[in-house]
Structure formats: structure tokens, C-alpha cells
Amino acid sequence: MATSKILKLLLQKNDSAISVVIPSEMKQLIAEYAKVENMSESQYVKLAIIERLDRDIKQR
């Protein structure tokens, strides 16, 4: 499951590993939105994953 892989990477707190699994087009969008939200790209990705998991849990 892709989510499990991503969560394992996040738990490692390895930002370069997180960056590897994200396509370049998404990296550009993440960089733009992270700058707007005044946070690092890895923080933005972690927040997005948490929000998605929260949504999925609520839909159960």
C-alpha cells in the first residue's frame, strides 16, 4: 500500500527520502504552497498526508 510506504518514510524523518517519492510536477506545487504557508516542503507534505489520513478515517 502506497500510504504505508509514505508513512514509513515520514517516520524515518528523512526529508530526502520523502522527496524521492514525489513527482517533479508535484514538487513544484509543494514548493509554491509551502512558501505561501511559511513552512518547509517536508512539513507541508507531512501535513497533507495527515489531513488525507484524517479524511479517510472520517469516511469509514
PDB file of N, CA and C in Angstrom:
ATOM      1  N   MET A   1       0.844  -1.183   0.000  1.00  0.00           N
ATOM      2  CA  MET A   1       0.000   0.000   0.000  1.00  0.00           C
ATOM      3  C   MET A   1       0.889   1.247   0.000  1.00  0.00           C
ATOM      4  N   ALA A   2       0.620   2.178  -0.888  1.00  0.00           N
ATOM      5  CA  ALA A   2       1.456   3.373  -1.026  1.00  0.00           C
ATOM      6  C   ALA A   2       1.488   4.204   0.250  1.00  0.00           C
ATOM      7  N   THR A   3       0.367   4.299   0.934  1.00  0.00           N
ATOM      8  CA  THR A   3       0.315   5.098   2.156  1.00  0.00           C
ATOM      9  C   THR A   3       1.261   4.545   3.210  1.00  0.00           C
ATOM     10  N   SER A   4       1.348   3.230   3.311  1.00  0.00           N
ATOM     11  CA  SER A   4       2.251   2.613   4.284  1.00  0.00           C
ATOM     12  C   SER A   4       3.694   2.974   3.996  1.00  0.00           C
ATOM     13  N   LYS A   5       4.073   2.938   2.716  1.00  0.00           N
ATOM     14  CA  LYS A   5       5.443   3.300   2.336  1.00  0.00           C
ATOM     15  C   LYS A   5       5.736   4.743   2.716  1.00  0.00           C
ATOM     16  N   ILE A   6       4.802   5.621   2.423  1.00  0.00           N
ATOM     17  CA  ILE A   6       4.997   7.041   2.721  1.00  0.00           C
ATOM     18  C   ILE A   6       5.101   7.258   4.221  1.00  0.00           C
ATOM     19  N   LEU A   7       4.248   6.593   4.986  1.00  0.00           N
ATOM     20  CA  LEU A   7       4.305   6.749   6.439  1.00  0.00           C
ATOM     21  C   LEU A   7       5.625   6.246   7.001  1.00  0.00           C
ATOM     22  N   LYS A   8       6.147   5.147   6.467  1.00  0.00           N
ATOM     23  CA  LYS A   8       7.448   4.645   6.915  1.00  0.00           C
ATOM     24  C   LYS A   8       8.533   5.676   6.637  1.00  0.00           C
ATOM     25  N   LEU A   9       8.465   6.307   5.470  1.00  0.00           N
ATOM     26  CA  LEU A   9       9.446   7.343   5.145  1.00  0.00           C
ATOM     27  C   LEU A   9       9.332   8.522   6.101  1.00  0.00           C
ATOM     28  N   LEU A  10       8.109   8.902   6.420  1.00  0.00           N
ATOM     29  CA  LEU A  10       7.909  10.017   7.340  1.00  0.00           C
ATOM     30  C   LEU A  10       8.437   9.691   8.729  1.00  0.00           C
ATOM     31  N   LEU A  11       8.215   8.466   9.154  1.00  0.00           N
ATOM     32  CA  LEU A  11       8.688   8.071  10.472  1.00  0.00           C
ATOM     33  C   LEU A  11      10.206   8.096  10.555  1.00  0.00           C
ATOM     34  N   GLN A  12      10.861   7.902   9.427  1.00  0.00           N
ATOM     35  CA  GLN A  12      12.319   7.965   9.395  1.00  0.00           C
ATOM     36  C   GLN A  12      12.803   9.409   9.497  1.00  0.00           C
ATOM     37  N   LYS A  13      11.903  10.344   9.285  1.00  0.00           N
ATOM     38  CA  LYS A  13      12.227  11.770   9.293  1.00  0.00           C
ATOM     39  C   LYS A  13      13.354  12.083   8.313  1.00  0.00           C
ATOM     40  N   ASN A  14      13.309  11.425   7.179  1.00  0.00           N
ATOM     41  CA  ASN A  14      14.333  11.597   6.165  1.00  0.00           C
ATOM     42  C   ASN A  14      13.729  12.394   5.013  1.00  0.00           C
ATOM     43  N   ASP A  15      13.971  13.685   5.005  1.00  0.00           N
ATOM     44  CA  ASP A  15      13.351  14.555   4.013  1.00  0.00           C
ATOM     45  C   ASP A  15      13.766  14.208   2.589  1.00  0.00           C
ATOM     46  N   SER A  16      14.996  13.760   2.400  1.00  0.00           N
ATOM     47  CA  SER A  16      15.427  13.407   1.051  1.00  0.00           C
ATOM     48  C   SER A  16      14.680  12.169   0.557  1.00  0.00           C
ATOM     49  N   ALA A  17      14.373  11.242   1.448  1.00  0.00           N
ATOM     50  CA  ALA A  17      13.612  10.054   1.061  1.00  0.00           C
ATOM     51  C   ALA A  17      12.183  10.429   0.695  1.00  0.00           C
ATOM     52  N   ILE A  18      11.623  11.373   1.403  1.00  0.00           N
ATOM     53  CA  ILE A  18      10.273  11.851   1.089  1.00  0.00           C
ATOM     54  C   ILE A  18      10.276  12.478  -0.299  1.00  0.00           C
ATOM     55  N   SER A  19      11.266  13.257  -0.567  1.00  0.00           N
ATOM     56  CA  SER A  19      11.380  13.963  -1.830  1.00  0.00           C
ATOM     57  C   SER A  19      11.477  13.012  -3.020  1.00  0.00           C
ATOM     58  N   VAL A  20      12.071  11.854  -2.837  1.00  0.00           N
ATOM     59  CA  VAL A  20      12.268  10.895  -3.917  1.00  0.00           C
ATOM     60  C   VAL A  20      10.947  10.336  -4.428  1.00  0.00           C
ATOM     61  N   VAL A  21       9.964  10.160  -3.569  1.00  0.00           N
ATOM     62  CA  VAL A  21       8.712   9.524  -3.969  1.00  0.00           C
ATOM     63  C   VAL A  21       7.699  10.502  -4.564  1.00  0.00           C
ATOM     64  N   ILE A  22       8.056  11.761  -4.669  1.00  0.00           N
ATOM     65  CA  ILE A  22       7.136  12.775  -5.172  1.00  0.00           C
ATOM     66  C   ILE A  22       7.541  13.181  -6.590  1.00  0.00           C
ATOM     67  N   PRO A  23       6.622  13.097  -7.561  1.00  0.00           N
ATOM     68  CA  PRO A  23       6.928  13.509  -8.931  1.00  0.00           C
ATOM     69  C   PRO A  23       7.319  14.989  -9.000  1.00  0.00           C
ATOM     70  N   SER A  24       8.111  15.339 -10.002  1.00  0.00           N
ATOM     71  CA  SER A  24       8.651  16.704 -10.094  1.00  0.00           C
ATOM     72  C   SER A  24       7.564  17.775 -10.205  1.00  0.00           C
ATOM     73  N   GLU A  25       6.468  17.485 -10.915  1.00  0.00           N
ATOM     74  CA  GLU A  25       5.397  18.479 -11.041  1.00  0.00           C
ATOM     75  C   GLU A  25       4.791  18.781  -9.672  1.00  0.00           C
ATOM     76  N   MET A  26       4.639  17.736  -8.870  1.00  0.00           N
ATOM     77  CA  MET A  26       4.085  17.930  -7.531  1.00  0.00           C
ATOM     78  C   MET A  26       5.075  18.675  -6.645  1.00  0.00           C
ATOM     79  N   LYS A  27       6.370  18.417  -6.834  1.00  0.00           N
ATOM     80  CA  LYS A  27       7.389  19.104  -6.041  1.00  0.00           C
ATOM     81  C   LYS A  27       7.297  20.616  -6.242  1.00  0.00           C
ATOM     82  N   GLN A  28       7.053  21.025  -7.490  1.00  0.00           N
ATOM     83  CA  GLN A  28       6.930  22.458  -7.779  1.00  0.00           C
ATOM     84  C   GLN A  28       5.728  23.057  -7.059  1.00  0.00           C
ATOM     85  N   LEU A  29       4.599  22.374  -7.112  1.00  0.00           N
ATOM     86  CA  LEU A  29       3.403  22.863  -6.422  1.00  0.00           C
ATOM     87  C   LEU A  29       3.612  22.893  -4.914  1.00  0.00           C
ATOM     88  N   ILE A  30       4.233  21.853  -4.397  1.00  0.00           N
ATOM     89  CA  ILE A  30       4.507  21.793  -2.960  1.00  0.00           C
ATOM     90  C   ILE A  30       5.392  22.954  -2.549  1.00  0.00           C
ATOM     91  N   ALA A  31       6.414  23.235  -3.341  1.00  0.00           N
ATOM     92  CA  ALA A  31       7.325  24.340  -3.029  1.00  0.00           C
ATOM     93  C   ALA A  31       6.573  25.666  -3.000  1.00  0.00           C
ATOM     94  N   GLU A  32       5.687  25.869  -3.970  1.00  0.00           N
ATOM     95  CA  GLU A  32       4.906  27.111  -4.024  1.00  0.00           C
ATOM     96  C   GLU A  32       3.995  27.252  -2.808  1.00  0.00           C
ATOM     97  N   TYR A  33       3.220  26.207  -2.521  1.00  0.00           N
ATOM     98  CA  TYR A  33       2.279  26.276  -1.402  1.00  0.00           C
ATOM     99  C   TYR A  33       2.988  26.319  -0.054  1.00  0.00           C
ATOM    100  N   ALA A  34       4.100  25.621   0.056  1.00  0.00           N
ATOM    101  CA  ALA A  34       4.866  25.647   1.308  1.00  0.00           C
ATOM    102  C   ALA A  34       5.364  27.061   1.585  1.00  0.00           C
ATOM    103  N   LYS A  35       5.786  27.744   0.534  1.00  0.00           N
ATOM    104  CA  LYS A  35       6.268  29.124   0.692  1.00  0.00           C
ATOM    105  C   LYS A  35       5.121  30.029   1.146  1.00  0.00           C
ATOM    106  N   VAL A  36       3.941  29.845   0.546  1.00  0.00           N
ATOM    107  CA  VAL A  36       2.766  30.636   0.917  1.00  0.00           C
ATOM    108  C   VAL A  36       2.386  30.383   2.374  1.00  0.00           C
ATOM    109  N   GLU A  37       2.476  29.125   2.800  1.00  0.00           N
ATOM    110  CA  GLU A  37       2.105  28.753   4.165  1.00  0.00           C
ATOM    111  C   GLU A  37       3.242  28.965   5.159  1.00  0.00           C
ATOM    112  N   ASN A  38       4.383  29.421   4.672  1.00  0.00           N
ATOM    113  CA  ASN A  38       5.550  29.704   5.513  1.00  0.00           C
ATOM    114  C   ASN A  38       6.019  28.466   6.289  1.00  0.00           C
ATOM    115  N   MET A  39       6.215  27.362   5.550  1.00  0.00           N
ATOM    116  CA  MET A  39       6.725  26.132   6.160  1.00  0.00           C
ATOM    117  C   MET A  39       7.643  25.439   5.165  1.00  0.00           C
ATOM    118  N   SER A  40       8.398  24.473   5.657  1.00  0.00           N
ATOM    119  CA  SER A  40       9.284  23.734   4.760  1.00  0.00           C
ATOM    120  C   SER A  40       8.451  22.793   3.887  1.00  0.00           C
ATOM    121  N   GLU A  41       9.061  22.358   2.793  1.00  0.00           N
ATOM    122  CA  GLU A  41       8.358  21.440   1.903  1.00  0.00           C
ATOM    123  C   GLU A  41       8.017  20.137   2.617  1.00  0.00           C
ATOM    124  N   SER A  42       8.936  19.633   3.415  1.00  0.00           N
ATOM    125  CA  SER A  42       8.668  18.368   4.113  1.00  0.00           C
ATOM    126  C   SER A  42       7.547  18.538   5.139  1.00  0.00           C
ATOM    127  N   GLN A  43       7.488  19.692   5.801  1.00  0.00           N
ATOM    128  CA  GLN A  43       6.394  19.940   6.742  1.00  0.00           C
ATOM    129  C   GLN A  43       5.063  19.971   6.000  1.00  0.00           C
ATOM    130  N   TYR A  44       5.058  20.598   4.828  1.00  0.00           N
ATOM    131  CA  TYR A  44       3.841  20.687   4.028  1.00  0.00           C
ATOM    132  C   TYR A  44       3.370  19.295   3.604  1.00  0.00           C
ATOM    133  N   VAL A  45       4.310  18.448   3.164  1.00  0.00           N
ATOM    134  CA  VAL A  45       3.967  17.090   2.742  1.00  0.00           C
ATOM    135  C   VAL A  45       3.416  16.300   3.920  1.00  0.00           C
ATOM    136  N   LYS A  46       4.062  16.399   5.061  1.00  0.00           N
ATOM    137  CA  LYS A  46       3.601  15.680   6.250  1.00  0.00           C
ATOM    138  C   LYS A  46       2.194  16.128   6.638  1.00  0.00           C
ATOM    139  N   LEU A  47       1.950  17.427   6.598  1.00  0.00           N
ATOM    140  CA  LEU A  47       0.627  17.955   6.926  1.00  0.00           C
ATOM    141  C   LEU A  47      -0.425  17.447   5.940  1.00  0.00           C
ATOM    142  N   ALA A  48      -0.081  17.432   4.657  1.00  0.00           N
ATOM    143  CA  ALA A  48      -1.019  16.955   3.639  1.00  0.00           C
ATOM    144  C   ALA A  48      -1.368  15.487   3.856  1.00  0.00           C
ATOM    145  N   ILE A  49      -0.383  14.685   4.207  1.00  0.00           N
ATOM    146  CA  ILE A  49      -0.634  13.263   4.455  1.00  0.00           C
ATOM    147  C   ILE A  49      -1.513  13.084   5.684  1.00  0.00           C
ATOM    148  N   ILE A  50      -1.223  13.825   6.722  1.00  0.00           N
ATOM    149  CA  ILE A  50      -2.027  13.740   7.945  1.00  0.00           C
ATOM    150  C   ILE A  50      -3.472  14.130   7.663  1.00  0.00           C
ATOM    151  N   GLU A  51      -3.670  15.209   6.904  1.00  0.00           N
ATOM    152  CA  GLU A  51      -5.027  15.646   6.577  1.00  0.00           C
ATOM    153  C   GLU A  51      -5.755  14.593   5.749  1.00  0.00           C
ATOM    154  N   ARG A  52      -5.054  13.979   4.813  1.00  0.00           N
ATOM    155  CA  ARG A  52      -5.662  12.939   3.975  1.00  0.00           C
ATOM    156  C   ARG A  52      -6.055  11.731   4.818  1.00  0.00           C
ATOM    157  N   LEU A  53      -5.169  11.303   5.693  1.00  0.00           N
ATOM    158  CA  LEU A  53      -5.482  10.168   6.564  1.00  0.00           C
ATOM    159  C   LEU A  53      -6.669  10.483   7.467  1.00  0.00           C
ATOM    160  N   ASP A  54      -6.718  11.701   7.965  1.00  0.00           N
ATOM    161  CA  ASP A  54      -7.833  12.120   8.814  1.00  0.00           C
ATOM    162  C   ASP A  54      -9.146  12.055   8.040  1.00  0.00           C
ATOM    163  N   ARG A  55      -9.130  12.529   6.799  1.00  0.00           N
ATOM    164  CA  ARG A  55     -10.325  12.469   5.942  1.00  0.00           C
ATOM    165  C   ARG A  55     -10.749  11.026   5.699  1.00  0.00           C
ATOM    166  N   ASP A  56      -9.768  10.162   5.402  1.00  0.00           N
ATOM    167  CA  ASP A  56     -10.072   8.752   5.144  1.00  0.00           C
ATOM    168  C   ASP A  56     -10.678   8.079   6.370  1.00  0.00           C
ATOM    169  N   ILE A  57     -10.151   8.393   7.534  1.00  0.00           N
ATOM    170  CA  ILE A  57     -10.669   7.808   8.776  1.00  0.00           C
ATOM    171  C   ILE A  57     -12.103   8.258   9.016  1.00  0.00           C
ATOM    172  N   LYS A  58     -12.388   9.529   8.772  1.00  0.00           N
ATOM    173  CA  LYS A  58     -13.742  10.051   8.985  1.00  0.00           C
ATOM    174  C   LYS A  58     -14.747   9.451   8.013  1.00  0.00           C
ATOM    175  N   GLN A  59     -14.291   9.024   6.837  1.00  0.00           N
ATOM    176  CA  GLN A  59     -15.187   8.446   5.835  1.00  0.00           C
ATOM    177  C   GLN A  59     -15.525   6.994   6.121  1.00  0.00           C
ATOM    178  N   ARG A  60     -14.838   6.375   7.032  1.00  0.00           N
ATOM    179  CA  ARG A  60     -15.102   4.955   7.353  1.00  0.00           C
ATOM    180  C   ARG A  60     -16.458   4.757   7.935  1.00  0.00           C
TER     181      ARG A  60
END
